[in-house]
Amino acid sequence: MCARWQQAVGVVLVDEFQDTNARQRTLVERLCGETPGRLFVVGDVRQSIYRFRGADVTIFNTLGANILAQGGVAIDLADTFRAHERLVRGIDDFLAP
């Protein structure tokens, strides 16, 4: 079954990976198989909020370290487009009263 899905899926992108639990990690690993460069994860340890359902931020940290050890790349995204200046000003004006 895994081989079938590994052939059907070229790459896997998991957003909010900091909120992954052990079962989800296993599913992602099986889907990616042993082929390097198939897995891309996005996350921020400071935003991990799902501990109550088994999320474990150490899974994110460990995977990141493993990816780097295998020659992968970590890219820090310093810019946000969720809270740009014009949006923040508008919200401040709206909520001022």
PDB file of N, CA and C in Angstrom:
ATOM      1  N   MET A   1       0.824  -1.193   0.000  1.00  0.00           N
ATOM      2  CA  MET A   1       0.000   0.000   0.000  1.00  0.00           C
ATOM      3  C   MET A   1       0.867   1.257   0.000  1.00  0.00           C
ATOM      4  N   CYS A   2       1.908   1.300   0.839  1.00  0.00           N
ATOM      5  CA  CYS A   2       2.776   2.484   0.900  1.00  0.00           C
ATOM      6  C   CYS A   2       3.439   2.743  -0.440  1.00  0.00           C
ATOM      7  N   ALA A   3       3.931   1.676  -1.084  1.00  0.00           N
ATOM      8  CA  ALA A   3       4.629   1.840  -2.360  1.00  0.00           C
ATOM      9  C   ALA A   3       3.721   2.485  -3.399  1.00  0.00           C
ATOM     10  N   ARG A   4       2.460   2.092  -3.403  1.00  0.00           N
ATOM     11  CA  ARG A   4       1.506   2.667  -4.360  1.00  0.00           C
ATOM     12  C   ARG A   4       1.388   4.177  -4.167  1.00  0.00           C
ATOM     13  N   TRP A   5       1.229   4.613  -2.927  1.00  0.00           N
ATOM     14  CA  TRP A   5       1.106   6.042  -2.642  1.00  0.00           C
ATOM     15  C   TRP A   5       2.426   6.770  -2.856  1.00  0.00           C
ATOM     16  N   GLN A   6       3.539   6.129  -2.543  1.00  0.00           N
ATOM     17  CA  GLN A   6       4.840   6.760  -2.776  1.00  0.00           C
ATOM     18  C   GLN A   6       5.064   7.016  -4.258  1.00  0.00           C
ATOM     19  N   GLN A   7       4.563   6.151  -5.117  1.00  0.00           N
ATOM     20  CA  GLN A   7       4.683   6.368  -6.562  1.00  0.00           C
ATOM     21  C   GLN A   7       3.728   7.449  -7.044  1.00  0.00           C
ATOM     22  N   ALA A   8       2.572   7.557  -6.414  1.00  0.00           N
ATOM     23  CA  ALA A   8       1.550   8.509  -6.852  1.00  0.00           C
ATOM     24  C   ALA A   8       1.847   9.934  -6.400  1.00  0.00           C
ATOM     25  N   VAL A   9       2.573  10.091  -5.307  1.00  0.00           N
ATOM     26  CA  VAL A   9       2.834  11.411  -4.725  1.00  0.00           C
ATOM     27  C   VAL A   9       4.315  11.752  -4.901  1.00  0.00           C
ATOM     28  N   GLY A  10       4.562  12.854  -5.594  1.00  0.00           N
ATOM     29  CA  GLY A  10       5.951  13.241  -5.855  1.00  0.00           C
ATOM     30  C   GLY A  10       6.620  13.923  -4.674  1.00  0.00           C
ATOM     31  N   VAL A  11       5.924  14.861  -4.063  1.00  0.00           N
ATOM     32  CA  VAL A  11       6.454  15.585  -2.906  1.00  0.00           C
ATOM     33  C   VAL A  11       5.332  15.793  -1.896  1.00  0.00           C
ATOM     34  N   VAL A  12       5.730  15.995  -0.661  1.00  0.00           N
ATOM     35  CA  VAL A  12       4.766  16.200   0.410  1.00  0.00           C
ATOM     36  C   VAL A  12       5.120  17.492   1.131  1.00  0.00           C
ATOM     37  N   LEU A  13       4.144  18.385   1.260  1.00  0.00           N
ATOM     38  CA  LEU A  13       4.298  19.620   2.015  1.00  0.00           C
ATOM     39  C   LEU A  13       3.350  19.565   3.198  1.00  0.00           C
ATOM     40  N   VAL A  14       3.899  19.718   4.396  1.00  0.00           N
ATOM     41  CA  VAL A  14       3.077  19.714   5.602  1.00  0.00           C
ATOM     42  C   VAL A  14       3.239  21.068   6.282  1.00  0.00           C
ATOM     43  N   ASP A  15       2.160  21.816   6.328  1.00  0.00           N
ATOM     44  CA  ASP A  15       2.158  23.108   7.016  1.00  0.00           C
ATOM     45  C   ASP A  15       1.805  22.876   8.483  1.00  0.00           C
ATOM     46  N   GLU A  16       2.228  23.774   9.341  1.00  0.00           N
ATOM     47  CA  GLU A  16       1.963  23.688  10.786  1.00  0.00           C
ATOM     48  C   GLU A  16       2.515  22.388  11.375  1.00  0.00           C
ATOM     49  N   PHE A  17       3.694  21.973  10.896  1.00  0.00           N
ATOM     50  CA  PHE A  17       4.266  20.699  11.333  1.00  0.00           C
ATOM     51  C   PHE A  17       4.625  20.699  12.812  1.00  0.00           C
ATOM     52  N   GLN A  18       4.726  21.874  13.427  1.00  0.00           N
ATOM     53  CA  GLN A  18       5.016  21.926  14.853  1.00  0.00           C
ATOM     54  C   GLN A  18       3.893  21.300  15.675  1.00  0.00           C
ATOM     55  N   ASP A  19       2.735  21.115  15.096  1.00  0.00           N
ATOM     56  CA  ASP A  19       1.589  20.532  15.795  1.00  0.00           C
ATOM     57  C   ASP A  19       1.329  19.079  15.389  1.00  0.00           C
ATOM     58  N   THR A  20       2.378  18.413  14.932  1.00  0.00           N
ATOM     59  CA  THR A  20       2.279  17.021  14.513  1.00  0.00           C
ATOM     60  C   THR A  20       2.412  16.103  15.728  1.00  0.00           C
ATOM     61  N   ASN A  21       1.633  15.023  15.704  1.00  0.00           N
ATOM     62  CA  ASN A  21       1.796  14.013  16.747  1.00  0.00           C
ATOM     63  C   ASN A  21       2.525  12.802  16.154  1.00  0.00           C
ATOM     64  N   ALA A  22       2.837  11.834  16.989  1.00  0.00           N
ATOM     65  CA  ALA A  22       3.642  10.684  16.554  1.00  0.00           C
ATOM     66  C   ALA A  22       2.962   9.900  15.431  1.00  0.00           C
ATOM     67  N   ARG A  23       1.653   9.727  15.510  1.00  0.00           N
ATOM     68  CA  ARG A  23       0.940   8.980  14.468  1.00  0.00           C
ATOM     69  C   ARG A  23       1.003   9.722  13.133  1.00  0.00           C
ATOM     70  N   GLN A  24       0.815  11.033  13.161  1.00  0.00           N
ATOM     71  CA  GLN A  24       0.889  11.814  11.928  1.00  0.00           C
ATOM     72  C   GLN A  24       2.298  11.767  11.344  1.00  0.00           C
ATOM     73  N   ARG A  25       3.310  11.850  12.209  1.00  0.00           N
ATOM     74  CA  ARG A  25       4.696  11.759  11.734  1.00  0.00           C
ATOM     75  C   ARG A  25       4.921  10.436  11.010  1.00  0.00           C
ATOM     76  N   THR A  26       4.424   9.350  11.567  1.00  0.00           N
ATOM     77  CA  THR A  26       4.585   8.040  10.945  1.00  0.00           C
ATOM     78  C   THR A  26       3.928   7.997   9.573  1.00  0.00           C
ATOM     79  N   LEU A  27       2.734   8.555   9.449  1.00  0.00           N
ATOM     80  CA  LEU A  27       2.050   8.589   8.154  1.00  0.00           C
ATOM     81  C   LEU A  27       2.858   9.376   7.117  1.00  0.00           C
ATOM     82  N   VAL A  28       3.377  10.529   7.528  1.00  0.00           N
ATOM     83  CA  VAL A  28       4.172  11.355   6.614  1.00  0.00           C
ATOM     84  C   VAL A  28       5.442  10.607   6.201  1.00  0.00           C
ATOM     85  N   GLU A  29       6.118   9.977   7.152  1.00  0.00           N
ATOM     86  CA  GLU A  29       7.343   9.233   6.833  1.00  0.00           C
ATOM     87  C   GLU A  29       7.062   8.095   5.868  1.00  0.00           C
ATOM     88  N   ARG A  30       5.969   7.377   6.081  1.00  0.00           N
ATOM     89  CA  ARG A  30       5.636   6.266   5.182  1.00  0.00           C
ATOM     90  C   ARG A  30       5.256   6.763   3.793  1.00  0.00           C
ATOM     91  N   LEU A  31       4.582   7.884   3.729  1.00  0.00           N
ATOM     92  CA  LEU A  31       4.208   8.449   2.443  1.00  0.00           C
ATOM     93  C   LEU A  31       5.438   8.898   1.657  1.00  0.00           C
ATOM     94  N   CYS A  32       6.408   9.458   2.349  1.00  0.00           N
ATOM     95  CA  CYS A  32       7.620   9.948   1.676  1.00  0.00           C
ATOM     96  C   CYS A  32       8.595   8.836   1.339  1.00  0.00           C
ATOM     97  N   GLY A  33       8.605   7.775   2.132  1.00  0.00           N
ATOM     98  CA  GLY A  33       9.556   6.696   1.896  1.00  0.00           C
ATOM     99  C   GLY A  33      10.979   7.148   2.172  1.00  0.00           C
ATOM    100  N   GLU A  34      11.922   6.487   1.540  1.00  0.00           N
ATOM    101  CA  GLU A  34      13.341   6.768   1.777  1.00  0.00           C
ATOM    102  C   GLU A  34      13.935   7.774   0.790  1.00  0.00           C
ATOM    103  N   THR A  35      13.137   8.292  -0.123  1.00  0.00           N
ATOM    104  CA  THR A  35      13.647   9.209  -1.142  1.00  0.00           C
ATOM    105  C   THR A  35      13.893  10.589  -0.545  1.00  0.00           C
ATOM    106  N   PRO A  36      15.151  11.041  -0.538  1.00  0.00           N
ATOM    107  CA  PRO A  36      15.419  12.384   0.005  1.00  0.00           C
ATOM    108  C   PRO A  36      14.823  13.472  -0.882  1.00  0.00           C
ATOM    109  N   GLY A  37      14.490  14.595  -0.259  1.00  0.00           N
ATOM    110  CA  GLY A  37      13.991  15.741  -1.004  1.00  0.00           C
ATOM    111  C   GLY A  37      12.507  15.717  -1.304  1.00  0.00           C
ATOM    112  N   ARG A  38      11.787  14.750  -0.763  1.00  0.00           N
ATOM    113  CA  ARG A  38      10.342  14.658  -1.031  1.00  0.00           C
ATOM    114  C   ARG A  38       9.507  15.374   0.013  1.00  0.00           C
ATOM    115  N   LEU A  39      10.102  15.643   1.171  1.00  0.00           N
ATOM    116  CA  LEU A  39       9.340  16.202   2.279  1.00  0.00           C
ATOM    117  C   LEU A  39       9.726  17.652   2.528  1.00  0.00           C
ATOM    118  N   PHE A  40       8.717  18.500   2.582  1.00  0.00           N
ATOM    119  CA  PHE A  40       8.883  19.905   2.928  1.00  0.00           C
ATOM    120  C   PHE A  40       7.946  20.182   4.104  1.00  0.00           C
ATOM    121  N   VAL A  41       8.502  20.719   5.177  1.00  0.00           N
ATOM    122  CA  VAL A  41       7.667  21.032   6.333  1.00  0.00           C
ATOM    123  C   VAL A  41       7.791  22.513   6.661  1.00  0.00           C
ATOM    124  N   VAL A  42       6.705  23.059   7.165  1.00  0.00           N
ATOM    125  CA  VAL A  42       6.649  24.455   7.572  1.00  0.00           C
ATOM    126  C   VAL A  42       6.123  24.473   8.998  1.00  0.00           C
ATOM    127  N   GLY A  43       6.726  25.297   9.826  1.00  0.00           N
ATOM    128  CA  GLY A  43       6.230  25.387  11.190  1.00  0.00           C
ATOM    129  C   GLY A  43       6.996  26.405  11.999  1.00  0.00           C
ATOM    130  N   ASP A  44       6.466  26.675  13.162  1.00  0.00           N
ATOM    131  CA  ASP A  44       7.074  27.622  14.092  1.00  0.00           C
ATOM    132  C   ASP A  44       6.839  27.072  15.492  1.00  0.00           C
ATOM    133  N   VAL A  45       7.908  26.694  16.182  1.00  0.00           N
ATOM    134  CA  VAL A  45       7.761  26.080  17.502  1.00  0.00           C
ATOM    135  C   VAL A  45       7.025  26.993  18.472  1.00  0.00           C
ATOM    136  N   ARG A  46       7.113  28.291  18.269  1.00  0.00           N
ATOM    137  CA  ARG A  46       6.432  29.233  19.174  1.00  0.00           C
ATOM    138  C   ARG A  46       4.915  29.218  18.984  1.00  0.00           C
ATOM    139  N   GLN A  47       4.447  28.585  17.926  1.00  0.00           N
ATOM    140  CA  GLN A  47       3.005  28.554  17.660  1.00  0.00           C
ATOM    141  C   GLN A  47       2.392  27.171  17.890  1.00  0.00           C
ATOM    142  N   SER A  48       3.105  26.308  18.557  1.00  0.00           N
ATOM    143  CA  SER A  48       2.580  24.970  18.837  1.00  0.00           C
ATOM    144  C   SER A  48       1.487  25.057  19.895  1.00  0.00           C
ATOM    145  N   ILE A  49       0.261  24.672  19.519  1.00  0.00           N
ATOM    146  CA  ILE A  49      -0.878  24.855  20.425  1.00  0.00           C
ATOM    147  C   ILE A  49      -1.713  23.597  20.624  1.00  0.00           C
ATOM    148  N   TYR A  50      -1.319  22.480  20.018  1.00  0.00           N
ATOM    149  CA  TYR A  50      -2.172  21.299  20.054  1.00  0.00           C
ATOM    150  C   TYR A  50      -1.618  20.172  20.932  1.00  0.00           C
ATOM    151  N   ARG A  51      -0.931  20.521  21.995  1.00  0.00           N
ATOM    152  CA  ARG A  51      -0.399  19.509  22.911  1.00  0.00           C
ATOM    153  C   ARG A  51      -1.530  18.652  23.478  1.00  0.00           C
ATOM    154  N   PHE A  52      -2.708  19.240  23.676  1.00  0.00           N
ATOM    155  CA  PHE A  52      -3.847  18.524  24.250  1.00  0.00           C
ATOM    156  C   PHE A  52      -4.292  17.331  23.403  1.00  0.00           C
ATOM    157  N   ARG A  53      -3.933  17.320  22.106  1.00  0.00           N
ATOM    158  CA  ARG A  53      -4.299  16.187  21.258  1.00  0.00           C
ATOM    159  C   ARG A  53      -3.078  15.380  20.816  1.00  0.00           C
ATOM    160  N   GLY A  54      -1.992  15.540  21.577  1.00  0.00           N
ATOM    161  CA  GLY A  54      -0.811  14.717  21.341  1.00  0.00           C
ATOM    162  C   GLY A  54       0.260  15.344  20.481  1.00  0.00           C
ATOM    163  N   ALA A  55       0.069  16.582  20.056  1.00  0.00           N
ATOM    164  CA  ALA A  55       1.116  17.246  19.271  1.00  0.00           C
ATOM    165  C   ALA A  55       2.373  17.343  20.127  1.00  0.00           C
ATOM    166  N   ASP A  56       3.503  17.130  19.489  1.00  0.00           N
ATOM    167  CA  ASP A  56       4.782  17.132  20.201  1.00  0.00           C
ATOM    168  C   ASP A  56       5.788  17.932  19.388  1.00  0.00           C
ATOM    169  N   VAL A  57       6.109  19.115  19.876  1.00  0.00           N
ATOM    170  CA  VAL A  57       6.990  20.016  19.129  1.00  0.00           C
ATOM    171  C   VAL A  57       8.385  19.421  18.933  1.00  0.00           C
ATOM    172  N   THR A  58       8.767  18.452  19.763  1.00  0.00           N
ATOM    173  CA  THR A  58      10.078  17.824  19.569  1.00  0.00           C
ATOM    174  C   THR A  58      10.124  17.026  18.268  1.00  0.00           C
ATOM    175  N   ILE A  59       8.962  16.587  17.773  1.00  0.00           N
ATOM    176  CA  ILE A  59       8.914  15.914  16.470  1.00  0.00           C
ATOM    177  C   ILE A  59       9.371  16.869  15.380  1.00  0.00           C
ATOM    178  N   PHE A  60       8.903  18.096  15.435  1.00  0.00           N
ATOM    179  CA  PHE A  60       9.310  19.127  14.472  1.00  0.00           C
ATOM    180  C   PHE A  60      10.805  19.407  14.586  1.00  0.00           C
ATOM    181  N   ASN A  61      11.277  19.600  15.819  1.00  0.00           N
ATOM    182  CA  ASN A  61      12.699  19.906  16.032  1.00  0.00           C
ATOM    183  C   ASN A  61      13.597  18.763  15.584  1.00  0.00           C
ATOM    184  N   THR A  62      13.214  17.535  15.907  1.00  0.00           N
ATOM    185  CA  THR A  62      14.017  16.368  15.540  1.00  0.00           C
ATOM    186  C   THR A  62      14.058  16.191  14.031  1.00  0.00           C
ATOM    187  N   LEU A  63      12.901  16.329  13.387  1.00  0.00           N
ATOM    188  CA  LEU A  63      12.873  16.203  11.929  1.00  0.00           C
ATOM    189  C   LEU A  63      13.741  17.270  11.275  1.00  0.00           C
ATOM    190  N   GLY A  64      13.649  18.497  11.773  1.00  0.00           N
ATOM    191  CA  GLY A  64      14.486  19.564  11.222  1.00  0.00           C
ATOM    192  C   GLY A  64      15.967  19.243  11.335  1.00  0.00           C
ATOM    193  N   ALA A  65      16.370  18.743  12.493  1.00  0.00           N
ATOM    194  CA  ALA A  65      17.777  18.369  12.689  1.00  0.00           C
ATOM    195  C   ALA A  65      18.180  17.230  11.755  1.00  0.00           C
ATOM    196  N   ASN A  66      17.287  16.256  11.578  1.00  0.00           N
ATOM    197  CA  ASN A  66      17.577  15.139  10.672  1.00  0.00           C
ATOM    198  C   ASN A  66      17.706  15.605   9.228  1.00  0.00           C
ATOM    199  N   ILE A  67      16.834  16.495   8.819  1.00  0.00           N
ATOM    200  CA  ILE A  67      16.894  17.026   7.450  1.00  0.00           C
ATOM    201  C   ILE A  67      18.219  17.749   7.217  1.00  0.00           C
ATOM    202  N   LEU A  68      18.613  18.570   8.167  1.00  0.00           N
ATOM    203  CA  LEU A  68      19.889  19.279   8.038  1.00  0.00           C
ATOM    204  C   LEU A  68      21.068  18.309   8.007  1.00  0.00           C
ATOM    205  N   ALA A  69      21.026  17.280   8.840  1.00  0.00           N
ATOM    206  CA  ALA A  69      22.114  16.298   8.896  1.00  0.00           C
ATOM    207  C   ALA A  69      22.253  15.532   7.584  1.00  0.00           C
ATOM    208  N   GLN A  70      21.156  15.417   6.832  1.00  0.00           N
ATOM    209  CA  GLN A  70      21.177  14.703   5.555  1.00  0.00           C
ATOM    210  C   GLN A  70      21.438  15.635   4.376  1.00  0.00           C
ATOM    211  N   GLY A  71      21.834  16.884   4.673  1.00  0.00           N
ATOM    212  CA  GLY A  71      22.135  17.825   3.605  1.00  0.00           C
ATOM    213  C   GLY A  71      20.965  18.678   3.169  1.00  0.00           C
ATOM    214  N   GLY A  72      19.852  18.597   3.881  1.00  0.00           N
ATOM    215  CA  GLY A  72      18.692  19.419   3.559  1.00  0.00           C
ATOM    216  C   GLY A  72      18.905  20.861   3.981  1.00  0.00           C
ATOM    217  N   VAL A  73      17.927  21.671   3.746  1.00  0.00           N
ATOM    218  CA  VAL A  73      18.042  23.107   3.982  1.00  0.00           C
ATOM    219  C   VAL A  73      16.907  23.588   4.887  1.00  0.00           C
ATOM    220  N   ALA A  74      17.244  24.484   5.798  1.00  0.00           N
ATOM    221  CA  ALA A  74      16.238  25.176   6.599  1.00  0.00           C
ATOM    222  C   ALA A  74      16.206  26.624   6.135  1.00  0.00           C
ATOM    223  N   ILE A  75      15.036  27.114   5.865  1.00  0.00           N
ATOM    224  CA  ILE A  75      14.885  28.494   5.416  1.00  0.00           C
ATOM    225  C   ILE A  75      14.005  29.224   6.419  1.00  0.00           C
ATOM    226  N   ASP A  76      14.571  30.242   7.045  1.00  0.00           N
ATOM    227  CA  ASP A  76      13.794  31.057   7.977  1.00  0.00           C
ATOM    228  C   ASP A  76      13.017  32.099   7.197  1.00  0.00           C
ATOM    229  N   LEU A  77      11.719  32.137   7.410  1.00  0.00           N
ATOM    230  CA  LEU A  77      10.869  33.111   6.746  1.00  0.00           C
ATOM    231  C   LEU A  77      10.597  34.244   7.727  1.00  0.00           C
ATOM    232  N   ALA A  78      11.280  35.338   7.546  1.00  0.00           N
ATOM    233  CA  ALA A  78      11.170  36.448   8.485  1.00  0.00           C
ATOM    234  C   ALA A  78      10.004  37.383   8.152  1.00  0.00           C
ATOM    235  N   ASP A  79       9.560  37.374   6.923  1.00  0.00           N
ATOM    236  CA  ASP A  79       8.481  38.273   6.519  1.00  0.00           C
ATOM    237  C   ASP A  79       7.130  37.603   6.697  1.00  0.00           C
ATOM    238  N   THR A  80       6.165  38.371   7.125  1.00  0.00           N
ATOM    239  CA  THR A  80       4.805  37.877   7.223  1.00  0.00           C
ATOM    240  C   THR A  80       3.905  38.738   6.345  1.00  0.00           C
ATOM    241  N   PHE A  81       2.942  38.106   5.752  1.00  0.00           N
ATOM    242  CA  PHE A  81       1.996  38.839   4.925  1.00  0.00           C
ATOM    243  C   PHE A  81       0.618  38.855   5.581  1.00  0.00           C
ATOM    244  N   ARG A  82       0.543  38.271   6.769  1.00  0.00           N
ATOM    245  CA  ARG A  82      -0.707  38.260   7.516  1.00  0.00           C
ATOM    246  C   ARG A  82      -0.926  39.577   8.252  1.00  0.00           C
ATOM    247  N   ALA A  83       0.147  40.243   8.605  1.00  0.00           N
ATOM    248  CA  ALA A  83       0.027  41.442   9.432  1.00  0.00           C
ATOM    249  C   ALA A  83       0.884  42.580   8.865  1.00  0.00           C
ATOM    250  N   HIS A  84       0.672  42.901   7.607  1.00  0.00           N
ATOM    251  CA  HIS A  84       1.430  43.995   7.006  1.00  0.00           C
ATOM    252  C   HIS A  84       0.930  45.328   7.587  1.00  0.00           C
ATOM    253  N   GLU A  85       1.720  46.365   7.422  1.00  0.00           N
ATOM    254  CA  GLU A  85       1.470  47.654   8.076  1.00  0.00           C
ATOM    255  C   GLU A  85       0.079  48.217   7.781  1.00  0.00           C
ATOM    256  N   ARG A  86      -0.336  48.194   6.531  1.00  0.00           N
ATOM    257  CA  ARG A  86      -1.652  48.762   6.176  1.00  0.00           C
ATOM    258  C   ARG A  86      -2.788  48.007   6.879  1.00  0.00           C
ATOM    259  N   LEU A  87      -2.677  46.697   6.940  1.00  0.00           N
ATOM    260  CA  LEU A  87      -3.698  45.891   7.613  1.00  0.00           C
ATOM    261  C   LEU A  87      -3.724  46.191   9.113  1.00  0.00           C
ATOM    262  N   VAL A  88      -2.572  46.251   9.728  1.00  0.00           N
ATOM    263  CA  VAL A  88      -2.501  46.516  11.165  1.00  0.00           C
ATOM    264  C   VAL A  88      -3.076  47.894  11.485  1.00  0.00           C
ATOM    265  N   ARG A  89      -2.752  48.900  10.675  1.00  0.00           N
ATOM    266  CA  ARG A  89      -3.313  50.245  10.876  1.00  0.00           C
ATOM    267  C   ARG A  89      -4.835  50.228  10.779  1.00  0.00           C
ATOM    268  N   GLY A  90      -5.349  49.523   9.786  1.00  0.00           N
ATOM    269  CA  GLY A  90      -6.796  49.433   9.609  1.00  0.00           C
ATOM    270  C   GLY A  90      -7.471  48.762  10.791  1.00  0.00           C
ATOM    271  N   ILE A  91      -6.881  47.711  11.280  1.00  0.00           N
ATOM    272  CA  ILE A  91      -7.438  47.020  12.442  1.00  0.00           C
ATOM    273  C   ILE A  91      -7.361  47.917  13.677  1.00  0.00           C
ATOM    274  N   ASP A  92      -6.229  48.604  13.852  1.00  0.00           N
ATOM    275  CA  ASP A  92      -6.095  49.529  14.976  1.00  0.00           C
ATOM    276  C   ASP A  92      -7.177  50.614  14.917  1.00  0.00           C
ATOM    277  N   ASP A  93      -7.415  51.158  13.733  1.00  0.00           N
ATOM    278  CA  ASP A  93      -8.453  52.189  13.579  1.00  0.00           C
ATOM    279  C   ASP A  93      -9.838  51.619  13.886  1.00  0.00           C
ATOM    280  N   PHE A  94     -10.105  50.446  13.412  1.00  0.00           N
ATOM    281  CA  PHE A  94     -11.405  49.806  13.608  1.00  0.00           C
ATOM    282  C   PHE A  94     -11.662  49.491  15.087  1.00  0.00           C
ATOM    283  N   LEU A  95     -10.629  49.053  15.781  1.00  0.00           N
ATOM    284  CA  LEU A  95     -10.800  48.642  17.176  1.00  0.00           C
ATOM    285  C   LEU A  95     -10.552  49.762  18.191  1.00  0.00           C
ATOM    286  N   ALA A  96     -10.159  50.920  17.717  1.00  0.00           N
ATOM    287  CA  ALA A  96      -9.839  52.031  18.626  1.00  0.00           C
ATOM    288  C   ALA A  96     -10.979  52.397  19.577  1.00  0.00           C
ATOM    289  N   PRO A  97     -12.219  52.520  19.107  1.00  0.00           N
ATOM    290  CA  PRO A  97     -13.296  52.899  20.032  1.00  0.00           C
ATOM    291  C   PRO A  97     -13.521  51.809  21.059  1.00  0.00           C
TER     292      PRO A  97
END
